[in-house]
Amino acid sequence: MFTGIVQGVAKVVAVRELEEFRTHVVALPEGLRQGLTIGASVAHNGVCLTVTAIEGENVSFDLMRETLRLTNLGAIATGQCVNIERAARFGDEIGGHSMSGHIICMAKVVAIEEAPNNRRLWFSLPEKVAKFVFEKGYIGVDGISLTVGSVRSAGDGAGVEFSVNLIPETLARTVLKDRPLGDWVNIEIDPQTQVIVETVERVLESRL
């Protein structure tokens, strides 16, 4: 389990490509390596990955076909950075919201609004997940626990667009500060919201 509180960013120092499979190696700061073992779970841009090798500061992770299909990690190149969060431990403070590290889809950056000391980003979502997004609800964006600011219909009539407001601390600690228009972010829907919506849908369908 993760909390959506990104603990830092790490640079990808190597990428090894195979058919529908890749291994990427990140340079983890010392503080994020403490107690880390092979088999441990670490979230990269919100994606739960398993440690496969540790060589000093360089830590390796394997990305399977489904991960490459559903997330932005398949487009990560050497020298780029990813958001990092170690798995939560029993007794840790939950500063964000409970997250599984299982990405449901990607969303495109469609607008960036700048203001003193903060930034608002707008993202487009496909219709299939639009029903899970509500104003003031939780959402995971590249592994960051954020509150949905506003929701509106997408300009093309398909799906929705939603906004998040980023404070200076979030911009300083995560890769969202570097996301340009047209870039893609990983999306994890709040699991509690997803369960409630799907349960209500099943109950209503059973009454028809």
N, C-alpha and C. Protein backbone atom coordinates (compact mmCIF):
# COMPACT_ATOMS: atom_id res chain seq x y z
N MET A 1 0.85 -1.19 0.00
CA MET A 1 0.00 0.00 0.00
C MET A 1 0.89 1.25 0.00
N PHE A 2 0.37 2.30 -0.62
CA PHE A 2 1.07 3.59 -0.66
C PHE A 2 0.11 4.67 -0.18
N THR A 3 0.67 5.84 0.12
CA THR A 3 -0.15 6.92 0.67
C THR A 3 -0.30 8.10 -0.28
N GLY A 4 0.45 8.10 -1.40
CA GLY A 4 0.38 9.21 -2.32
C GLY A 4 1.20 10.41 -1.90
N ILE A 5 2.03 10.24 -0.87
CA ILE A 5 2.94 11.31 -0.45
C ILE A 5 4.31 10.97 -1.03
N VAL A 6 4.65 11.62 -2.13
CA VAL A 6 5.91 11.33 -2.82
C VAL A 6 7.08 11.73 -1.93
N GLN A 7 8.04 10.82 -1.80
CA GLN A 7 9.17 11.05 -0.90
C GLN A 7 10.37 11.68 -1.60
N GLY A 8 10.32 11.75 -2.91
CA GLY A 8 11.42 12.35 -3.67
C GLY A 8 11.36 11.93 -5.11
N VAL A 9 12.28 12.43 -5.90
CA VAL A 9 12.40 12.02 -7.30
C VAL A 9 13.74 11.31 -7.47
N ALA A 10 13.79 10.42 -8.45
CA ALA A 10 15.01 9.67 -8.72
C ALA A 10 15.25 9.66 -10.22
N LYS A 11 16.51 9.74 -10.61
CA LYS A 11 16.86 9.77 -12.02
C LYS A 11 17.01 8.35 -12.56
N VAL A 12 16.46 8.13 -13.74
CA VAL A 12 16.66 6.86 -14.44
C VAL A 12 18.03 6.89 -15.09
N VAL A 13 18.91 5.97 -14.69
CA VAL A 13 20.30 6.00 -15.16
C VAL A 13 20.57 4.95 -16.24
N ALA A 14 19.65 4.02 -16.43
CA ALA A 14 19.83 3.01 -17.48
C ALA A 14 18.49 2.39 -17.82
N VAL A 15 18.32 2.02 -19.09
CA VAL A 15 17.12 1.33 -19.56
C VAL A 15 17.56 0.17 -20.45
N ARG A 16 17.09 -1.02 -20.14
CA ARG A 16 17.39 -2.20 -20.95
C ARG A 16 16.09 -2.71 -21.56
N GLU A 17 16.02 -2.71 -22.88
CA GLU A 17 14.81 -3.07 -23.60
C GLU A 17 14.86 -4.50 -24.12
N LEU A 18 13.76 -5.24 -23.92
CA LEU A 18 13.53 -6.52 -24.56
C LEU A 18 12.15 -6.47 -25.19
N GLU A 19 11.72 -7.53 -25.85
CA GLU A 19 10.41 -7.52 -26.48
C GLU A 19 9.32 -7.47 -25.43
N GLU A 20 8.52 -6.39 -25.46
CA GLU A 20 7.41 -6.16 -24.53
C GLU A 20 7.86 -6.30 -23.07
N PHE A 21 9.05 -5.83 -22.79
CA PHE A 21 9.63 -5.94 -21.45
C PHE A 21 10.78 -4.95 -21.36
N ARG A 22 10.92 -4.32 -20.23
CA ARG A 22 12.09 -3.47 -20.03
C ARG A 22 12.50 -3.47 -18.56
N THR A 23 13.76 -3.24 -18.35
CA THR A 23 14.29 -3.03 -17.00
C THR A 23 14.81 -1.61 -16.93
N HIS A 24 14.38 -0.87 -15.96
CA HIS A 24 15.00 0.43 -15.78
C HIS A 24 15.66 0.51 -14.41
N VAL A 25 16.75 1.25 -14.41
CA VAL A 25 17.59 1.38 -13.22
C VAL A 25 17.55 2.82 -12.77
N VAL A 26 17.24 3.04 -11.50
CA VAL A 26 17.16 4.39 -10.96
C VAL A 26 18.22 4.57 -9.88
N ALA A 27 18.72 5.78 -9.78
CA ALA A 27 19.67 6.13 -8.72
C ALA A 27 18.87 6.65 -7.54
N LEU A 28 18.72 5.83 -6.51
CA LEU A 28 17.93 6.23 -5.35
C LEU A 28 18.81 6.94 -4.33
N PRO A 29 18.36 8.09 -3.83
CA PRO A 29 19.10 8.76 -2.76
C PRO A 29 19.22 7.85 -1.54
N GLU A 30 20.23 8.09 -0.72
CA GLU A 30 20.50 7.22 0.42
C GLU A 30 19.30 7.05 1.33
N GLY A 31 18.58 8.14 1.57
CA GLY A 31 17.44 8.06 2.48
C GLY A 31 16.35 7.14 1.99
N LEU A 32 16.23 6.97 0.67
CA LEU A 32 15.20 6.09 0.11
C LEU A 32 15.69 4.66 -0.03
N ARG A 33 16.98 4.42 0.24
CA ARG A 33 17.52 3.06 0.15
C ARG A 33 17.60 2.37 1.50
N GLN A 34 17.39 3.09 2.56
CA GLN A 34 17.52 2.50 3.90
C GLN A 34 16.54 1.34 4.09
N GLY A 35 17.10 0.16 4.39
CA GLY A 35 16.27 -1.01 4.62
C GLY A 35 15.70 -1.63 3.36
N LEU A 36 16.06 -1.11 2.19
CA LEU A 36 15.52 -1.63 0.93
C LEU A 36 16.13 -2.99 0.62
N THR A 37 15.29 -3.94 0.23
CA THR A 37 15.75 -5.28 -0.11
C THR A 37 15.16 -5.71 -1.45
N ILE A 38 15.79 -6.71 -2.07
CA ILE A 38 15.24 -7.28 -3.29
C ILE A 38 13.86 -7.88 -2.98
N GLY A 39 12.89 -7.58 -3.83
CA GLY A 39 11.52 -8.01 -3.62
C GLY A 39 10.64 -6.95 -3.00
N ALA A 40 11.24 -5.85 -2.53
CA ALA A 40 10.44 -4.77 -1.94
C ALA A 40 9.66 -4.02 -3.01
N SER A 41 8.58 -3.39 -2.61
CA SER A 41 7.74 -2.61 -3.52
C SER A 41 8.08 -1.13 -3.42
N VAL A 42 8.23 -0.49 -4.57
CA VAL A 42 8.51 0.94 -4.65
C VAL A 42 7.64 1.51 -5.78
N ALA A 43 6.96 2.61 -5.52
CA ALA A 43 6.11 3.23 -6.54
C ALA A 43 6.92 4.20 -7.38
N HIS A 44 6.81 4.06 -8.70
CA HIS A 44 7.44 4.97 -9.67
C HIS A 44 6.33 5.66 -10.43
N ASN A 45 6.20 6.97 -10.27
CA ASN A 45 5.07 7.69 -10.89
C ASN A 45 3.75 6.99 -10.57
N GLY A 46 3.68 6.44 -9.36
CA GLY A 46 2.45 5.80 -8.92
C GLY A 46 2.31 4.35 -9.27
N VAL A 47 3.27 3.78 -10.00
CA VAL A 47 3.21 2.38 -10.42
C VAL A 47 3.98 1.52 -9.43
N CYS A 48 3.33 0.52 -8.87
CA CYS A 48 3.99 -0.37 -7.92
C CYS A 48 4.93 -1.30 -8.68
N LEU A 49 6.23 -1.19 -8.40
CA LEU A 49 7.25 -2.03 -9.02
C LEU A 49 8.04 -2.76 -7.94
N THR A 50 8.64 -3.88 -8.34
CA THR A 50 9.39 -4.72 -7.42
C THR A 50 10.89 -4.57 -7.65
N VAL A 51 11.63 -4.41 -6.59
CA VAL A 51 13.09 -4.32 -6.67
C VAL A 51 13.65 -5.67 -7.14
N THR A 52 14.47 -5.64 -8.21
CA THR A 52 15.06 -6.88 -8.72
C THR A 52 16.57 -6.94 -8.52
N ALA A 53 17.21 -5.80 -8.28
CA ALA A 53 18.66 -5.80 -8.03
C ALA A 53 19.03 -4.49 -7.35
N ILE A 54 20.05 -4.54 -6.50
CA ILE A 54 20.58 -3.36 -5.82
C ILE A 54 22.09 -3.37 -5.96
N GLU A 55 22.62 -2.33 -6.59
CA GLU A 55 24.07 -2.19 -6.75
C GLU A 55 24.45 -0.77 -6.32
N GLY A 56 24.77 -0.63 -5.04
CA GLY A 56 25.04 0.70 -4.52
C GLY A 56 23.78 1.54 -4.57
N GLU A 57 23.88 2.72 -5.17
CA GLU A 57 22.71 3.58 -5.27
C GLU A 57 21.80 3.19 -6.42
N ASN A 58 22.27 2.34 -7.32
CA ASN A 58 21.49 1.95 -8.50
C ASN A 58 20.59 0.76 -8.18
N VAL A 59 19.29 0.97 -8.37
CA VAL A 59 18.30 -0.05 -8.06
C VAL A 59 17.50 -0.38 -9.32
N SER A 60 17.34 -1.67 -9.60
CA SER A 60 16.69 -2.12 -10.84
C SER A 60 15.26 -2.57 -10.59
N PHE A 61 14.43 -2.34 -11.61
CA PHE A 61 13.02 -2.73 -11.57
C PHE A 61 12.63 -3.24 -12.96
N ASP A 62 11.80 -4.28 -13.00
CA ASP A 62 11.32 -4.81 -14.28
C ASP A 62 9.92 -4.30 -14.57
N LEU A 63 9.67 -3.99 -15.85
CA LEU A 63 8.36 -3.51 -16.31
C LEU A 63 7.81 -4.50 -17.31
N MET A 64 6.66 -5.08 -16.99
CA MET A 64 6.02 -6.07 -17.84
C MET A 64 5.16 -5.40 -18.91
N ARG A 65 4.65 -6.21 -19.81
CA ARG A 65 3.88 -5.72 -20.96
C ARG A 65 2.70 -4.84 -20.54
N GLU A 66 1.93 -5.28 -19.53
CA GLU A 66 0.76 -4.52 -19.12
C GLU A 66 1.15 -3.17 -18.53
N THR A 67 2.25 -3.14 -17.79
CA THR A 67 2.74 -1.87 -17.24
C THR A 67 3.14 -0.92 -18.35
N LEU A 68 3.80 -1.43 -19.38
CA LEU A 68 4.21 -0.60 -20.51
C LEU A 68 3.00 -0.07 -21.27
N ARG A 69 1.93 -0.87 -21.32
CA ARG A 69 0.73 -0.47 -22.06
C ARG A 69 -0.07 0.59 -21.33
N LEU A 70 -0.19 0.44 -20.02
CA LEU A 70 -1.12 1.27 -19.26
C LEU A 70 -0.50 2.54 -18.68
N THR A 71 0.83 2.62 -18.61
CA THR A 71 1.46 3.71 -17.87
C THR A 71 2.46 4.49 -18.73
N ASN A 72 2.93 5.59 -18.16
CA ASN A 72 3.91 6.42 -18.88
C ASN A 72 5.35 5.95 -18.68
N LEU A 73 5.55 4.86 -17.94
CA LEU A 73 6.91 4.41 -17.69
C LEU A 73 7.59 3.86 -18.94
N GLY A 74 6.80 3.37 -19.89
CA GLY A 74 7.40 2.85 -21.11
C GLY A 74 8.05 3.92 -21.96
N ALA A 75 7.70 5.19 -21.71
CA ALA A 75 8.28 6.30 -22.48
C ALA A 75 9.42 6.98 -21.74
N ILE A 76 9.72 6.52 -20.54
CA ILE A 76 10.80 7.14 -19.76
C ILE A 76 12.14 6.83 -20.41
N ALA A 77 12.97 7.86 -20.57
CA ALA A 77 14.30 7.70 -21.16
C ALA A 77 15.36 7.95 -20.11
N THR A 78 16.55 7.43 -20.37
CA THR A 78 17.68 7.66 -19.47
C THR A 78 17.88 9.16 -19.25
N GLY A 79 18.05 9.55 -17.99
CA GLY A 79 18.24 10.95 -17.64
C GLY A 79 16.99 11.62 -17.13
N GLN A 80 15.80 11.03 -17.40
CA GLN A 80 14.57 11.58 -16.87
C GLN A 80 14.35 11.10 -15.43
N CYS A 81 13.44 11.77 -14.73
CA CYS A 81 13.19 11.46 -13.33
C CYS A 81 11.78 10.92 -13.13
N VAL A 82 11.61 10.16 -12.06
CA VAL A 82 10.31 9.64 -11.68
C VAL A 82 10.04 9.96 -10.21
N ASN A 83 8.76 10.09 -9.88
CA ASN A 83 8.36 10.22 -8.49
C ASN A 83 8.56 8.90 -7.77
N ILE A 84 9.07 8.96 -6.55
CA ILE A 84 9.34 7.74 -5.78
C ILE A 84 8.61 7.78 -4.45
N GLU A 85 7.96 6.64 -4.13
CA GLU A 85 7.42 6.43 -2.79
C GLU A 85 7.66 4.99 -2.38
N ARG A 86 8.29 4.81 -1.22
CA ARG A 86 8.43 3.46 -0.65
C ARG A 86 7.07 3.00 -0.12
N ALA A 87 6.88 1.69 -0.08
CA ALA A 87 5.63 1.14 0.44
C ALA A 87 5.43 1.56 1.89
N ALA A 88 4.18 1.85 2.24
CA ALA A 88 3.86 2.24 3.61
C ALA A 88 4.02 1.05 4.54
N ARG A 89 4.40 1.34 5.77
CA ARG A 89 4.52 0.32 6.80
C ARG A 89 3.44 0.52 7.86
N PHE A 90 3.09 -0.55 8.54
CA PHE A 90 2.08 -0.46 9.59
C PHE A 90 2.50 0.59 10.62
N GLY A 91 1.61 1.50 10.91
CA GLY A 91 1.90 2.56 11.87
C GLY A 91 2.33 3.86 11.25
N ASP A 92 2.65 3.85 9.92
CA ASP A 92 3.03 5.10 9.25
C ASP A 92 1.85 6.06 9.20
N GLU A 93 2.15 7.34 9.23
CA GLU A 93 1.11 8.35 9.06
C GLU A 93 0.61 8.33 7.62
N ILE A 94 -0.71 8.34 7.44
CA ILE A 94 -1.31 8.38 6.11
C ILE A 94 -1.64 9.83 5.80
N GLY A 95 -0.71 10.51 5.14
CA GLY A 95 -0.90 11.93 4.89
C GLY A 95 -1.73 12.22 3.66
N GLY A 96 -1.80 11.24 2.74
CA GLY A 96 -2.59 11.42 1.53
C GLY A 96 -3.85 10.58 1.61
N HIS A 97 -3.97 9.58 0.72
CA HIS A 97 -5.06 8.61 0.82
C HIS A 97 -4.51 7.26 0.40
N SER A 98 -5.19 6.21 0.78
CA SER A 98 -4.73 4.86 0.50
C SER A 98 -4.67 4.61 -1.01
N MET A 99 -3.50 4.16 -1.49
CA MET A 99 -3.31 3.89 -2.91
C MET A 99 -2.65 2.53 -3.06
N SER A 100 -2.99 1.84 -4.16
CA SER A 100 -2.50 0.48 -4.37
C SER A 100 -1.29 0.42 -5.29
N GLY A 101 -1.07 1.47 -6.07
CA GLY A 101 -0.01 1.43 -7.07
C GLY A 101 -0.43 0.76 -8.36
N HIS A 102 -1.74 0.56 -8.54
CA HIS A 102 -2.27 -0.05 -9.76
C HIS A 102 -2.93 1.04 -10.62
N ILE A 103 -2.32 1.34 -11.72
CA ILE A 103 -2.77 2.44 -12.58
C ILE A 103 -3.95 2.00 -13.43
N ILE A 104 -4.98 2.84 -13.50
CA ILE A 104 -6.17 2.50 -14.27
C ILE A 104 -6.10 3.02 -15.70
N CYS A 105 -5.39 4.15 -15.90
CA CYS A 105 -5.26 4.73 -17.24
C CYS A 105 -4.26 5.87 -17.17
N MET A 106 -4.02 6.50 -18.31
CA MET A 106 -3.24 7.73 -18.36
C MET A 106 -4.16 8.89 -18.72
N ALA A 107 -3.73 10.10 -18.35
CA ALA A 107 -4.47 11.31 -18.68
C ALA A 107 -3.50 12.31 -19.31
N LYS A 108 -4.01 13.09 -20.26
CA LYS A 108 -3.17 14.07 -20.96
C LYS A 108 -3.30 15.45 -20.32
N VAL A 109 -2.17 16.16 -20.22
CA VAL A 109 -2.18 17.55 -19.75
C VAL A 109 -2.76 18.42 -20.87
N VAL A 110 -3.91 19.06 -20.60
CA VAL A 110 -4.58 19.84 -21.64
C VAL A 110 -4.55 21.34 -21.37
N ALA A 111 -4.21 21.75 -20.15
CA ALA A 111 -4.11 23.18 -19.86
C ALA A 111 -3.26 23.38 -18.60
N ILE A 112 -2.53 24.49 -18.58
CA ILE A 112 -1.71 24.85 -17.43
C ILE A 112 -2.01 26.31 -17.10
N GLU A 113 -2.46 26.54 -15.87
CA GLU A 113 -2.79 27.89 -15.42
C GLU A 113 -1.82 28.28 -14.31
N GLU A 114 -1.06 29.33 -14.54
CA GLU A 114 -0.08 29.79 -13.56
C GLU A 114 -0.64 30.92 -12.72
N ALA A 115 -0.30 30.92 -11.44
CA ALA A 115 -0.67 32.00 -10.53
C ALA A 115 0.44 32.10 -9.49
N PRO A 116 0.54 33.23 -8.78
CA PRO A 116 1.59 33.36 -7.77
C PRO A 116 1.56 32.22 -6.76
N ASN A 117 2.68 31.52 -6.64
CA ASN A 117 2.87 30.48 -5.62
C ASN A 117 2.04 29.23 -5.81
N ASN A 118 1.38 29.09 -6.94
CA ASN A 118 0.66 27.84 -7.19
C ASN A 118 0.41 27.67 -8.69
N ARG A 119 0.00 26.48 -9.06
CA ARG A 119 -0.24 26.16 -10.47
C ARG A 119 -1.45 25.23 -10.54
N ARG A 120 -2.28 25.45 -11.55
CA ARG A 120 -3.42 24.56 -11.78
C ARG A 120 -3.19 23.81 -13.10
N LEU A 121 -3.31 22.50 -13.03
CA LEU A 121 -3.19 21.66 -14.21
C LEU A 121 -4.54 21.04 -14.53
N TRP A 122 -4.85 20.99 -15.82
CA TRP A 122 -6.06 20.32 -16.29
C TRP A 122 -5.65 19.09 -17.08
N PHE A 123 -6.38 18.00 -16.86
CA PHE A 123 -6.11 16.73 -17.54
C PHE A 123 -7.39 16.21 -18.19
N SER A 124 -7.24 15.51 -19.29
CA SER A 124 -8.38 14.86 -19.94
C SER A 124 -8.40 13.39 -19.56
N LEU A 125 -9.59 12.86 -19.31
CA LEU A 125 -9.78 11.48 -18.92
C LEU A 125 -10.73 10.79 -19.89
N PRO A 126 -10.48 9.50 -20.19
CA PRO A 126 -11.43 8.76 -21.04
C PRO A 126 -12.76 8.54 -20.33
N GLU A 127 -13.79 8.35 -21.13
CA GLU A 127 -15.15 8.21 -20.61
C GLU A 127 -15.28 7.08 -19.59
N LYS A 128 -14.54 5.99 -19.78
CA LYS A 128 -14.70 4.80 -18.94
C LYS A 128 -14.36 5.06 -17.47
N VAL A 129 -13.54 6.06 -17.18
CA VAL A 129 -13.20 6.34 -15.78
C VAL A 129 -13.76 7.66 -15.29
N ALA A 130 -14.45 8.39 -16.17
CA ALA A 130 -14.98 9.71 -15.80
C ALA A 130 -15.94 9.62 -14.61
N LYS A 131 -16.67 8.50 -14.52
CA LYS A 131 -17.68 8.37 -13.45
C LYS A 131 -17.08 8.30 -12.06
N PHE A 132 -15.79 8.06 -11.97
CA PHE A 132 -15.14 7.95 -10.66
C PHE A 132 -14.54 9.26 -10.16
N VAL A 133 -14.64 10.32 -10.96
CA VAL A 133 -13.97 11.58 -10.63
C VAL A 133 -15.00 12.62 -10.21
N PHE A 134 -14.84 13.15 -9.00
CA PHE A 134 -15.77 14.13 -8.45
C PHE A 134 -15.00 15.32 -7.88
N GLU A 135 -15.61 16.48 -7.93
CA GLU A 135 -15.01 17.65 -7.29
C GLU A 135 -14.81 17.37 -5.80
N LYS A 136 -13.63 17.71 -5.32
CA LYS A 136 -13.19 17.52 -3.93
C LYS A 136 -12.91 16.05 -3.59
N GLY A 137 -12.99 15.17 -4.59
CA GLY A 137 -12.62 13.78 -4.36
C GLY A 137 -11.11 13.60 -4.49
N TYR A 138 -10.63 12.43 -4.11
CA TYR A 138 -9.20 12.12 -4.20
C TYR A 138 -8.89 11.48 -5.55
N ILE A 139 -7.66 11.72 -6.02
CA ILE A 139 -7.18 11.05 -7.22
C ILE A 139 -5.66 10.95 -7.14
N GLY A 140 -5.10 9.91 -7.71
CA GLY A 140 -3.65 9.75 -7.77
C GLY A 140 -3.14 10.16 -9.14
N VAL A 141 -2.23 11.14 -9.18
CA VAL A 141 -1.64 11.63 -10.43
C VAL A 141 -0.14 11.42 -10.35
N ASP A 142 0.39 10.52 -11.18
CA ASP A 142 1.82 10.17 -11.10
C ASP A 142 2.24 9.81 -9.68
N GLY A 143 1.33 9.14 -8.97
CA GLY A 143 1.63 8.69 -7.63
C GLY A 143 1.42 9.71 -6.54
N ILE A 144 0.91 10.89 -6.88
CA ILE A 144 0.70 11.96 -5.91
C ILE A 144 -0.77 11.99 -5.50
N SER A 145 -1.03 11.94 -4.21
CA SER A 145 -2.40 12.06 -3.72
C SER A 145 -2.84 13.52 -3.84
N LEU A 146 -3.86 13.77 -4.67
CA LEU A 146 -4.33 15.13 -4.91
C LEU A 146 -5.85 15.20 -4.78
N THR A 147 -6.33 16.39 -4.51
CA THR A 147 -7.77 16.64 -4.46
C THR A 147 -8.22 17.22 -5.80
N VAL A 148 -9.29 16.66 -6.34
CA VAL A 148 -9.84 17.17 -7.59
C VAL A 148 -10.42 18.56 -7.35
N GLY A 149 -9.97 19.54 -8.16
CA GLY A 149 -10.46 20.89 -8.01
C GLY A 149 -11.79 21.10 -8.70
N SER A 150 -11.82 20.85 -10.01
CA SER A 150 -13.03 21.03 -10.81
C SER A 150 -13.11 19.92 -11.85
N VAL A 151 -14.34 19.68 -12.31
CA VAL A 151 -14.58 18.70 -13.36
C VAL A 151 -15.48 19.35 -14.40
N ARG A 152 -15.14 19.13 -15.68
CA ARG A 152 -15.94 19.69 -16.77
C ARG A 152 -15.93 18.71 -17.94
N SER A 153 -16.89 18.88 -18.84
CA SER A 153 -16.93 18.04 -20.04
C SER A 153 -15.74 18.36 -20.92
N ALA A 154 -15.20 17.34 -21.56
CA ALA A 154 -14.09 17.55 -22.48
C ALA A 154 -14.57 18.28 -23.72
N GLY A 155 -13.68 19.02 -24.34
CA GLY A 155 -14.04 19.82 -25.50
C GLY A 155 -14.56 19.00 -26.66
N ASP A 156 -14.08 17.76 -26.79
CA ASP A 156 -14.52 16.93 -27.91
C ASP A 156 -15.79 16.16 -27.59
N GLY A 157 -16.34 16.38 -26.40
CA GLY A 157 -17.58 15.72 -26.03
C GLY A 157 -17.40 14.31 -25.50
N ALA A 158 -16.17 13.79 -25.52
CA ALA A 158 -15.90 12.44 -25.03
C ALA A 158 -15.07 12.54 -23.75
N GLY A 159 -15.57 11.93 -22.69
CA GLY A 159 -14.83 11.97 -21.44
C GLY A 159 -14.98 13.29 -20.72
N VAL A 160 -14.10 13.50 -19.73
CA VAL A 160 -14.14 14.71 -18.94
C VAL A 160 -12.74 15.27 -18.79
N GLU A 161 -12.68 16.49 -18.32
CA GLU A 161 -11.43 17.11 -17.91
C GLU A 161 -11.54 17.47 -16.44
N PHE A 162 -10.45 17.32 -15.70
CA PHE A 162 -10.45 17.68 -14.30
C PHE A 162 -9.18 18.47 -13.98
N SER A 163 -9.26 19.27 -12.94
CA SER A 163 -8.11 20.09 -12.55
C SER A 163 -7.62 19.71 -11.17
N VAL A 164 -6.33 19.97 -10.93
CA VAL A 164 -5.75 19.87 -9.59
C VAL A 164 -4.94 21.14 -9.35
N ASN A 165 -4.88 21.56 -8.10
CA ASN A 165 -4.12 22.75 -7.72
C ASN A 165 -2.87 22.34 -6.98
N LEU A 166 -1.72 22.81 -7.43
CA LEU A 166 -0.44 22.38 -6.90
C LEU A 166 0.21 23.50 -6.10
N ILE A 167 0.55 23.20 -4.85
CA ILE A 167 1.24 24.17 -4.00
C ILE A 167 2.75 24.10 -4.29
N PRO A 168 3.52 25.08 -3.85
CA PRO A 168 4.96 25.06 -4.12
C PRO A 168 5.66 23.78 -3.65
N GLU A 169 5.25 23.22 -2.52
CA GLU A 169 5.89 22.00 -2.01
C GLU A 169 5.73 20.84 -2.98
N THR A 170 4.53 20.69 -3.54
CA THR A 170 4.29 19.62 -4.51
C THR A 170 5.12 19.85 -5.77
N LEU A 171 5.19 21.09 -6.22
CA LEU A 171 5.98 21.40 -7.41
C LEU A 171 7.46 21.13 -7.17
N ALA A 172 7.94 21.42 -5.96
CA ALA A 172 9.36 21.26 -5.66
C ALA A 172 9.75 19.80 -5.52
N ARG A 173 8.83 18.95 -5.06
CA ARG A 173 9.18 17.57 -4.69
C ARG A 173 8.83 16.54 -5.74
N THR A 174 8.14 16.92 -6.82
CA THR A 174 7.63 15.94 -7.77
C THR A 174 7.94 16.33 -9.21
N VAL A 175 7.68 15.39 -10.12
CA VAL A 175 7.94 15.64 -11.54
C VAL A 175 6.83 16.45 -12.21
N LEU A 176 5.74 16.75 -11.49
CA LEU A 176 4.65 17.51 -12.12
C LEU A 176 5.10 18.91 -12.54
N LYS A 177 6.12 19.43 -11.90
CA LYS A 177 6.60 20.76 -12.29
C LYS A 177 7.15 20.78 -13.71
N ASP A 178 7.52 19.62 -14.23
CA ASP A 178 8.14 19.53 -15.55
C ASP A 178 7.18 19.02 -16.63
N ARG A 179 5.92 18.80 -16.28
CA ARG A 179 4.97 18.27 -17.25
C ARG A 179 4.49 19.37 -18.20
N PRO A 180 4.77 19.27 -19.50
CA PRO A 180 4.30 20.27 -20.46
C PRO A 180 2.92 19.90 -21.00
N LEU A 181 2.33 20.80 -21.74
CA LEU A 181 1.08 20.50 -22.44
C LEU A 181 1.27 19.29 -23.34
N GLY A 182 0.29 18.40 -23.35
CA GLY A 182 0.35 17.22 -24.20
C GLY A 182 1.04 16.04 -23.57
N ASP A 183 1.67 16.23 -22.40
CA ASP A 183 2.34 15.12 -21.74
C ASP A 183 1.30 14.23 -21.06
N TRP A 184 1.73 13.02 -20.69
CA TRP A 184 0.82 12.04 -20.10
C TRP A 184 1.22 11.73 -18.67
N VAL A 185 0.20 11.59 -17.81
CA VAL A 185 0.43 11.23 -16.41
C VAL A 185 -0.33 9.95 -16.10
N ASN A 186 0.14 9.23 -15.09
CA ASN A 186 -0.53 8.01 -14.64
C ASN A 186 -1.65 8.37 -13.67
N ILE A 187 -2.78 7.67 -13.81
CA ILE A 187 -3.95 7.95 -12.98
C ILE A 187 -4.34 6.71 -12.19
N GLU A 188 -4.48 6.90 -10.88
CA GLU A 188 -5.10 5.88 -10.03
C GLU A 188 -6.33 6.50 -9.37
N ILE A 189 -7.46 5.86 -9.57
CA ILE A 189 -8.71 6.32 -8.99
C ILE A 189 -8.75 5.95 -7.51
N ASP A 190 -9.32 6.81 -6.69
CA ASP A 190 -9.49 6.51 -5.27
C ASP A 190 -10.27 5.20 -5.14
N PRO A 191 -9.68 4.17 -4.53
CA PRO A 191 -10.34 2.86 -4.49
C PRO A 191 -11.68 2.87 -3.76
N GLN A 192 -11.82 3.69 -2.72
CA GLN A 192 -13.10 3.74 -2.02
C GLN A 192 -14.19 4.31 -2.91
N THR A 193 -13.84 5.37 -3.65
CA THR A 193 -14.81 5.95 -4.58
C THR A 193 -15.20 4.92 -5.65
N GLN A 194 -14.22 4.19 -6.17
CA GLN A 194 -14.50 3.20 -7.20
C GLN A 194 -15.45 2.11 -6.70
N VAL A 195 -15.21 1.63 -5.47
CA VAL A 195 -16.07 0.60 -4.90
C VAL A 195 -17.49 1.11 -4.73
N ILE A 196 -17.65 2.33 -4.21
CA ILE A 196 -18.99 2.89 -3.99
C ILE A 196 -19.73 3.04 -5.30
N VAL A 197 -19.09 3.62 -6.31
CA VAL A 197 -19.74 3.84 -7.60
C VAL A 197 -20.15 2.52 -8.24
N GLU A 198 -19.24 1.55 -8.25
CA GLU A 198 -19.55 0.27 -8.89
C GLU A 198 -20.62 -0.50 -8.12
N THR A 199 -20.64 -0.38 -6.79
CA THR A 199 -21.67 -1.04 -6.00
C THR A 199 -23.04 -0.45 -6.29
N VAL A 200 -23.11 0.88 -6.34
CA VAL A 200 -24.38 1.55 -6.65
C VAL A 200 -24.86 1.14 -8.04
N GLU A 201 -23.95 1.06 -9.01
CA GLU A 201 -24.32 0.66 -10.36
C GLU A 201 -24.90 -0.75 -10.38
N ARG A 202 -24.28 -1.68 -9.65
CA ARG A 202 -24.78 -3.07 -9.63
C ARG A 202 -26.15 -3.14 -8.97
N VAL A 203 -26.34 -2.38 -7.90
CA VAL A 203 -27.64 -2.40 -7.23
C VAL A 203 -28.72 -1.85 -8.16
N LEU A 204 -28.43 -0.75 -8.84
CA LEU A 204 -29.44 -0.17 -9.75
C LEU A 204 -29.73 -1.10 -10.92
N GLU A 205 -28.70 -1.75 -11.45
CA GLU A 205 -28.92 -2.67 -12.56
C GLU A 205 -29.78 -3.87 -12.13
N SER A 206 -29.59 -4.32 -10.90
CA SER A 206 -30.37 -5.48 -10.42
C SER A 206 -31.84 -5.16 -10.25
N ARG A 207 -32.17 -3.87 -10.16
CA ARG A 207 -33.57 -3.46 -9.96
C ARG A 207 -34.30 -3.20 -11.26
N LEU A 208 -33.55 -3.22 -12.37
CA LEU A 208 -34.18 -2.95 -13.67
C LEU A 208 -34.92 -4.18 -14.18
